[in-house]
Amino acid sequence: MNELLEKIIQAHGGFDLWSAHDKVEATVVNGGGFFRFKGMPQDTLSRTFDSLAS
């Protein structure tokens, strides 16, 4: 593991905390001022993604 990744994991609870979990889930909404500024279409539907740890 590189030094930056070690610092990030430590700042967010440490490796033992993250190792205790076997799944990550996130809900994403694609929209906001940045997308309008770039001329990209707005998509206000929320989507949930998950990933199991290997």
C-alpha atoms as a PDB file:
ATOM      1  CA  MET A   1       0.000   0.000   0.000  1.00  0.00           C
ATOM      2  CA  ASN A   2       1.403   3.404  -0.858  1.00  0.00           C
ATOM      3  CA  GLU A   3       1.958   6.136   1.728  1.00  0.00           C
ATOM      4  CA  LEU A   4      -0.886   8.387   0.545  1.00  0.00           C
ATOM      5  CA  LEU A   5      -3.416   5.549   0.685  1.00  0.00           C
ATOM      6  CA  GLU A   6      -2.226   4.624   4.189  1.00  0.00           C
ATOM      7  CA  LYS A   7      -2.757   8.232   5.338  1.00  0.00           C
ATOM      8  CA  ILE A   8      -6.240   8.356   3.826  1.00  0.00           C
ATOM      9  CA  ILE A   9      -7.304   5.080   5.440  1.00  0.00           C
ATOM     10  CA  GLN A  10      -5.869   6.162   8.801  1.00  0.00           C
ATOM     11  CA  ALA A  11      -7.699   9.500   8.607  1.00  0.00           C
ATOM     12  CA  HIS A  12     -10.976   7.648   8.055  1.00  0.00           C
ATOM     13  CA  GLY A  13     -10.870   5.165  10.913  1.00  0.00           C
ATOM     14  CA  GLY A  14      -7.916   2.928  10.145  1.00  0.00           C
ATOM     15  CA  PHE A  15      -7.489  -0.361   8.299  1.00  0.00           C
ATOM     16  CA  ASP A  16      -9.035  -2.480  11.074  1.00  0.00           C
ATOM     17  CA  LEU A  17     -12.289  -0.528  10.843  1.00  0.00           C
ATOM     18  CA  TRP A  18     -12.461  -0.842   7.053  1.00  0.00           C
ATOM     19  CA  SER A  19     -11.483  -4.530   7.169  1.00  0.00           C
ATOM     20  CA  ALA A  20     -14.455  -5.243   9.428  1.00  0.00           C
ATOM     21  CA  HIS A  21     -16.877  -4.490   6.559  1.00  0.00           C
ATOM     22  CA  ASP A  22     -17.570  -6.590   3.490  1.00  0.00           C
ATOM     23  CA  LYS A  23     -19.708  -4.209   1.411  1.00  0.00           C
ATOM     24  CA  VAL A  24     -19.662  -0.568   0.279  1.00  0.00           C
ATOM     25  CA  GLU A  25     -22.808   1.185  -0.965  1.00  0.00           C
ATOM     26  CA  ALA A  26     -23.219   4.663  -2.478  1.00  0.00           C
ATOM     27  CA  THR A  27     -26.166   6.643  -3.820  1.00  0.00           C
ATOM     28  CA  VAL A  28     -25.274   9.012  -6.660  1.00  0.00           C
ATOM     29  CA  VAL A  29     -27.247  11.850  -8.259  1.00  0.00           C
ATOM     30  CA  ASN A  30     -25.781  13.324 -11.452  1.00  0.00           C
ATOM     31  CA  GLY A  31     -26.700  16.997 -11.540  1.00  0.00           C
ATOM     32  CA  GLY A  32     -25.963  20.439 -10.263  1.00  0.00           C
ATOM     33  CA  GLY A  33     -24.426  23.687 -11.419  1.00  0.00           C
ATOM     34  CA  PHE A  34     -21.227  22.164 -12.776  1.00  0.00           C
ATOM     35  CA  PHE A  35     -23.101  20.003 -15.274  1.00  0.00           C
ATOM     36  CA  ARG A  36     -25.225  22.950 -16.451  1.00  0.00           C
ATOM     37  CA  PHE A  37     -22.062  25.051 -16.809  1.00  0.00           C
ATOM     38  CA  LYS A  38     -20.479  22.368 -19.008  1.00  0.00           C
ATOM     39  CA  GLY A  39     -23.655  22.035 -21.100  1.00  0.00           C
ATOM     40  CA  MET A  40     -24.224  18.436 -20.007  1.00  0.00           C
ATOM     41  CA  PRO A  41     -27.743  17.056 -19.672  1.00  0.00           C
ATOM     42  CA  GLN A  42     -29.213  16.951 -16.161  1.00  0.00           C
ATOM     43  CA  ASP A  43     -30.119  13.567 -14.716  1.00  0.00           C
ATOM     44  CA  THR A  44     -31.825  13.906 -11.337  1.00  0.00           C
ATOM     45  CA  LEU A  45     -32.547  10.193 -10.864  1.00  0.00           C
ATOM     46  CA  SER A  46     -30.652   8.730  -7.941  1.00  0.00           C
ATOM     47  CA  ARG A  47     -28.805   5.466  -8.463  1.00  0.00           C
ATOM     48  CA  THR A  48     -27.480   3.121  -5.816  1.00  0.00           C
ATOM     49  CA  PHE A  49     -24.303   1.124  -6.385  1.00  0.00           C
ATOM     50  CA  ASP A  50     -22.740  -1.496  -4.179  1.00  0.00           C
ATOM     51  CA  SER A  51     -19.599  -3.538  -4.208  1.00  0.00           C
ATOM     52  CA  LEU A  52     -18.601  -6.585  -2.207  1.00  0.00           C
ATOM     53  CA  ALA A  53     -15.065  -6.763  -0.848  1.00  0.00           C
ATOM     54  CA  SER A  54     -12.889  -9.490  -2.288  1.00  0.00           C
END
